Amino acid sequence: MSAKRRDSRGRVLRNGEIQTPDGRYRYKYIDAFGDIRYVYSWRLDKNDRIPAGKKMEASLREKEKQIAADIFDKIIPEGGGLTVTELVEKYISLKTGVRPTTEASYRTVVNILKKERFGRERIDKVKISDAKAWLIQLQKNGRGFSTIRTIRGS
């Protein structure tokens, strides 16, 4: 039977965990796209002290727990690189069997998003307050209530 891997303090390391020569801990995992990713931390456990001069951050085991939850929930890291426009187009493509007038209003929403800077923002960077501010800006620029309501619905 092989010996268990341990860190410099004698604690047993789990699968994917290693301690680098400079004392940092690293966790290796495979993301939703099948790419190998690494997460680093100066602490293995939440009770460990941070070395002097290092920034406070979550421990490696806390990060592992969050990664496992995200993978289980099928959350794509960094939003998959999707923009707001691409996400709306993906959402609209799932809407089948709609009336021609509804389809025309969807095309209007996509055209407005393509012209606006907000439509080029990555979805992982957009906050609800950003979307609300953008809708208010559309209203100030003279867009009608019906148009804004259609955009908000999409």
C-alpha atoms as a PDB file:
ATOM      1  CA  MET A   1       0.000   0.000   0.000  1.00  0.00           C
ATOM      2  CA  SER A   2       1.347   3.423  -0.946  1.00  0.00           C
ATOM      3  CA  ALA A   3       1.930   6.156   1.605  1.00  0.00           C
ATOM      4  CA  LYS A   4      -0.557   8.991   1.825  1.00  0.00           C
ATOM      5  CA  ARG A   5       0.540  12.346   0.470  1.00  0.00           C
ATOM      6  CA  ARG A   6       1.038  14.948   3.187  1.00  0.00           C
ATOM      7  CA  ASP A   7       1.787  18.643   3.373  1.00  0.00           C
ATOM      8  CA  SER A   8       4.623  20.294   5.323  1.00  0.00           C
ATOM      9  CA  ARG A   9       2.501  20.236   8.499  1.00  0.00           C
ATOM     10  CA  GLY A  10       1.772  16.510   8.186  1.00  0.00           C
ATOM     11  CA  ARG A  11      -1.843  16.790   7.048  1.00  0.00           C
ATOM     12  CA  VAL A  12      -3.173  14.302   4.478  1.00  0.00           C
ATOM     13  CA  LEU A  13      -3.788  15.845   1.052  1.00  0.00           C
ATOM     14  CA  ARG A  14      -6.877  14.841  -0.921  1.00  0.00           C
ATOM     15  CA  ASN A  15      -7.038  13.937  -4.603  1.00  0.00           C
ATOM     16  CA  GLY A  16      -6.080  16.917  -6.777  1.00  0.00           C
ATOM     17  CA  GLU A  17      -4.377  18.787  -3.933  1.00  0.00           C
ATOM     18  CA  ILE A  18      -0.651  19.452  -3.768  1.00  0.00           C
ATOM     19  CA  GLN A  19       1.602  21.815  -1.876  1.00  0.00           C
ATOM     20  CA  THR A  20       3.997  23.782  -4.055  1.00  0.00           C
ATOM     21  CA  PRO A  21       7.608  24.395  -3.000  1.00  0.00           C
ATOM     22  CA  ASP A  22       6.805  27.994  -2.008  1.00  0.00           C
ATOM     23  CA  GLY A  23       4.156  26.756   0.465  1.00  0.00           C
ATOM     24  CA  ARG A  24       1.022  27.487  -1.550  1.00  0.00           C
ATOM     25  CA  TYR A  25      -1.623  24.848  -2.049  1.00  0.00           C
ATOM     26  CA  ARG A  26      -2.975  23.969  -5.481  1.00  0.00           C
ATOM     27  CA  TYR A  27      -6.108  22.108  -6.509  1.00  0.00           C
ATOM     28  CA  LYS A  28      -6.432  20.666 -10.017  1.00  0.00           C
ATOM     29  CA  TYR A  29      -9.868  19.968 -11.532  1.00  0.00           C
ATOM     30  CA  ILE A  30     -11.629  19.629 -14.873  1.00  0.00           C
ATOM     31  CA  ASP A  31     -14.226  22.308 -15.680  1.00  0.00           C
ATOM     32  CA  ALA A  32     -17.528  22.034 -17.574  1.00  0.00           C
ATOM     33  CA  PHE A  33     -15.746  22.381 -20.940  1.00  0.00           C
ATOM     34  CA  GLY A  34     -13.278  19.572 -20.176  1.00  0.00           C
ATOM     35  CA  ASP A  35     -10.357  21.957 -19.636  1.00  0.00           C
ATOM     36  CA  ILE A  36      -7.903  21.469 -16.790  1.00  0.00           C
ATOM     37  CA  ARG A  37      -8.070  24.315 -14.266  1.00  0.00           C
ATOM     38  CA  TYR A  38      -6.045  25.173 -11.180  1.00  0.00           C
ATOM     39  CA  VAL A  39      -6.997  27.024  -8.001  1.00  0.00           C
ATOM     40  CA  TYR A  40      -4.427  28.316  -5.538  1.00  0.00           C
ATOM     41  CA  SER A  41      -4.517  29.366  -1.906  1.00  0.00           C
ATOM     42  CA  TRP A  42      -2.032  30.008   0.878  1.00  0.00           C
ATOM     43  CA  ARG A  43      -4.284  28.132   3.312  1.00  0.00           C
ATOM     44  CA  LEU A  44      -5.404  24.503   3.124  1.00  0.00           C
ATOM     45  CA  ASP A  45      -8.057  24.783   5.810  1.00  0.00           C
ATOM     46  CA  LYS A  46     -10.118  27.749   6.993  1.00  0.00           C
ATOM     47  CA  ASN A  47      -8.328  27.699  10.368  1.00  0.00           C
ATOM     48  CA  ASP A  48      -4.827  28.105   8.893  1.00  0.00           C
ATOM     49  CA  ARG A  49      -2.983  31.388   9.287  1.00  0.00           C
ATOM     50  CA  ILE A  50      -2.029  33.392   6.232  1.00  0.00           C
ATOM     51  CA  PRO A  51       1.704  33.973   5.744  1.00  0.00           C
ATOM     52  CA  ALA A  52       2.872  37.498   6.483  1.00  0.00           C
ATOM     53  CA  GLY A  53       2.371  39.899   3.600  1.00  0.00           C
ATOM     54  CA  LYS A  54      -0.139  37.693   1.751  1.00  0.00           C
ATOM     55  CA  LYS A  55      -3.675  38.713   0.840  1.00  0.00           C
ATOM     56  CA  MET A  56      -6.639  37.262   2.736  1.00  0.00           C
ATOM     57  CA  GLU A  57      -8.573  34.782   0.595  1.00  0.00           C
ATOM     58  CA  ALA A  58     -10.660  31.644   0.951  1.00  0.00           C
ATOM     59  CA  SER A  59      -8.892  28.438   1.897  1.00  0.00           C
ATOM     60  CA  LEU A  60      -8.257  25.761  -0.717  1.00  0.00           C
ATOM     61  CA  ARG A  61     -10.842  23.399   0.771  1.00  0.00           C
ATOM     62  CA  GLU A  62     -13.457  26.172   0.749  1.00  0.00           C
ATOM     63  CA  LYS A  63     -12.673  26.841  -2.904  1.00  0.00           C
ATOM     64  CA  GLU A  64     -12.912  23.108  -3.678  1.00  0.00           C
ATOM     65  CA  LYS A  65     -16.338  22.986  -2.034  1.00  0.00           C
ATOM     66  CA  GLN A  66     -17.545  25.943  -4.146  1.00  0.00           C
ATOM     67  CA  ILE A  67     -16.168  24.379  -7.338  1.00  0.00           C
ATOM     68  CA  ALA A  68     -17.894  21.075  -6.600  1.00  0.00           C
ATOM     69  CA  ALA A  69     -21.195  22.894  -5.995  1.00  0.00           C
ATOM     70  CA  ASP A  70     -20.836  24.864  -9.241  1.00  0.00           C
ATOM     71  CA  ILE A  71     -20.073  21.707 -11.223  1.00  0.00           C
ATOM     72  CA  PHE A  72     -23.048  19.930  -9.644  1.00  0.00           C
ATOM     73  CA  ASP A  73     -25.332  22.885 -10.456  1.00  0.00           C
ATOM     74  CA  LYS A  74     -23.879  23.006 -14.003  1.00  0.00           C
ATOM     75  CA  ILE A  75     -22.759  26.602 -13.562  1.00  0.00           C
ATOM     76  CA  ILE A  76     -20.401  27.645 -16.337  1.00  0.00           C
ATOM     77  CA  PRO A  77     -17.330  29.504 -15.051  1.00  0.00           C
ATOM     78  CA  GLU A  78     -16.931  33.102 -16.262  1.00  0.00           C
ATOM     79  CA  GLY A  79     -20.314  32.851 -17.969  1.00  0.00           C
ATOM     80  CA  GLY A  80     -18.858  30.791 -20.787  1.00  0.00           C
ATOM     81  CA  GLY A  81     -17.701  33.995 -22.466  1.00  0.00           C
ATOM     82  CA  LEU A  82     -21.269  34.787 -23.581  1.00  0.00           C
ATOM     83  CA  THR A  83     -22.335  38.359 -24.199  1.00  0.00           C
ATOM     84  CA  VAL A  84     -25.764  39.725 -23.333  1.00  0.00           C
ATOM     85  CA  THR A  85     -26.762  39.640 -27.021  1.00  0.00           C
ATOM     86  CA  GLU A  86     -25.644  36.021 -27.433  1.00  0.00           C
ATOM     87  CA  LEU A  87     -27.552  35.000 -24.311  1.00  0.00           C
ATOM     88  CA  VAL A  88     -30.736  36.709 -25.528  1.00  0.00           C
ATOM     89  CA  GLU A  89     -30.345  35.057 -28.947  1.00  0.00           C
ATOM     90  CA  LYS A  90     -29.917  31.685 -27.246  1.00  0.00           C
ATOM     91  CA  TYR A  91     -33.006  32.329 -25.097  1.00  0.00           C
ATOM     92  CA  ILE A  92     -35.073  33.364 -28.128  1.00  0.00           C
ATOM     93  CA  SER A  93     -33.970  30.294 -30.102  1.00  0.00           C
ATOM     94  CA  LEU A  94     -35.641  28.154 -27.432  1.00  0.00           C
ATOM     95  CA  LYS A  95     -38.960  29.901 -28.062  1.00  0.00           C
ATOM     96  CA  THR A  96     -40.637  27.819 -30.762  1.00  0.00           C
ATOM     97  CA  GLY A  97     -44.130  28.096 -32.188  1.00  0.00           C
ATOM     98  CA  VAL A  98     -44.535  31.797 -31.437  1.00  0.00           C
ATOM     99  CA  ARG A  99     -46.663  34.128 -33.545  1.00  0.00           C
ATOM    100  CA  PRO A 100     -45.016  36.217 -36.271  1.00  0.00           C
ATOM    101  CA  THR A 101     -45.592  39.442 -34.311  1.00  0.00           C
ATOM    102  CA  THR A 102     -43.840  37.976 -31.250  1.00  0.00           C
ATOM    103  CA  GLU A 103     -40.969  36.830 -33.444  1.00  0.00           C
ATOM    104  CA  ALA A 104     -40.705  40.353 -34.887  1.00  0.00           C
ATOM    105  CA  SER A 105     -40.532  41.845 -31.392  1.00  0.00           C
ATOM    106  CA  TYR A 106     -37.738  39.379 -30.506  1.00  0.00           C
ATOM    107  CA  ARG A 107     -35.800  40.503 -33.605  1.00  0.00           C
ATOM    108  CA  THR A 108     -36.298  44.117 -32.508  1.00  0.00           C
ATOM    109  CA  VAL A 109     -34.816  43.345 -29.095  1.00  0.00           C
ATOM    110  CA  VAL A 110     -31.780  41.638 -30.664  1.00  0.00           C
ATOM    111  CA  ASN A 111     -31.250  44.550 -33.079  1.00  0.00           C
ATOM    112  CA  ILE A 112     -31.368  47.069 -30.220  1.00  0.00           C
ATOM    113  CA  LEU A 113     -28.888  44.999 -28.188  1.00  0.00           C
ATOM    114  CA  LYS A 114     -26.504  44.733 -31.149  1.00  0.00           C
ATOM    115  CA  LYS A 115     -26.382  48.526 -31.436  1.00  0.00           C
ATOM    116  CA  GLU A 116     -25.858  49.157 -27.725  1.00  0.00           C
ATOM    117  CA  ARG A 117     -22.654  48.753 -25.722  1.00  0.00           C
ATOM    118  CA  PHE A 118     -24.659  46.893 -23.058  1.00  0.00           C
ATOM    119  CA  GLY A 119     -25.276  44.079 -25.562  1.00  0.00           C
ATOM    120  CA  ARG A 120     -21.526  43.479 -25.903  1.00  0.00           C
ATOM    121  CA  GLU A 121     -20.960  43.082 -22.152  1.00  0.00           C
ATOM    122  CA  ARG A 122     -20.102  39.606 -20.855  1.00  0.00           C
ATOM    123  CA  ILE A 123     -22.920  38.142 -18.802  1.00  0.00           C
ATOM    124  CA  ASP A 124     -20.650  37.291 -15.886  1.00  0.00           C
ATOM    125  CA  LYS A 125     -19.747  40.995 -15.574  1.00  0.00           C
ATOM    126  CA  VAL A 126     -23.309  42.382 -15.764  1.00  0.00           C
ATOM    127  CA  LYS A 127     -25.222  43.170 -12.586  1.00  0.00           C
ATOM    128  CA  ILE A 128     -28.945  43.685 -12.221  1.00  0.00           C
ATOM    129  CA  SER A 129     -28.283  47.340 -11.452  1.00  0.00           C
ATOM    130  CA  ASP A 130     -26.451  47.664 -14.806  1.00  0.00           C
ATOM    131  CA  ALA A 131     -29.481  46.274 -16.653  1.00  0.00           C
ATOM    132  CA  LYS A 132     -31.837  48.606 -14.780  1.00  0.00           C
ATOM    133  CA  ALA A 133     -29.622  51.601 -15.526  1.00  0.00           C
ATOM    134  CA  TRP A 134     -29.532  50.626 -19.216  1.00  0.00           C
ATOM    135  CA  LEU A 135     -33.342  50.407 -19.362  1.00  0.00           C
ATOM    136  CA  ILE A 136     -33.621  53.816 -17.686  1.00  0.00           C
ATOM    137  CA  GLN A 137     -31.154  55.210 -20.224  1.00  0.00           C
ATOM    138  CA  LEU A 138     -33.289  53.806 -23.059  1.00  0.00           C
ATOM    139  CA  GLN A 139     -36.301  55.566 -21.567  1.00  0.00           C
ATOM    140  CA  LYS A 140     -34.413  58.867 -21.331  1.00  0.00           C
ATOM    141  CA  ASN A 141     -33.331  58.486 -24.961  1.00  0.00           C
ATOM    142  CA  GLY A 142     -36.947  58.368 -26.076  1.00  0.00           C
ATOM    143  CA  ARG A 143     -37.776  54.663 -26.345  1.00  0.00           C
ATOM    144  CA  GLY A 144     -41.418  53.899 -25.748  1.00  0.00           C
ATOM    145  CA  PHE A 145     -42.878  52.075 -22.781  1.00  0.00           C
ATOM    146  CA  SER A 146     -43.938  49.107 -24.935  1.00  0.00           C
ATOM    147  CA  THR A 147     -40.447  48.702 -26.397  1.00  0.00           C
ATOM    148  CA  ILE A 148     -38.803  48.837 -22.988  1.00  0.00           C
ATOM    149  CA  ARG A 149     -41.278  46.313 -21.622  1.00  0.00           C
ATOM    150  CA  THR A 150     -40.532  43.957 -24.531  1.00  0.00           C
ATOM    151  CA  ILE A 151     -36.778  44.310 -23.956  1.00  0.00           C
ATOM    152  CA  ARG A 152     -37.171  43.690 -20.233  1.00  0.00           C
ATOM    153  CA  GLY A 153     -39.267  40.602 -20.924  1.00  0.00           C
ATOM    154  CA  SER A 154     -36.555  39.117 -23.098  1.00  0.00           C
END
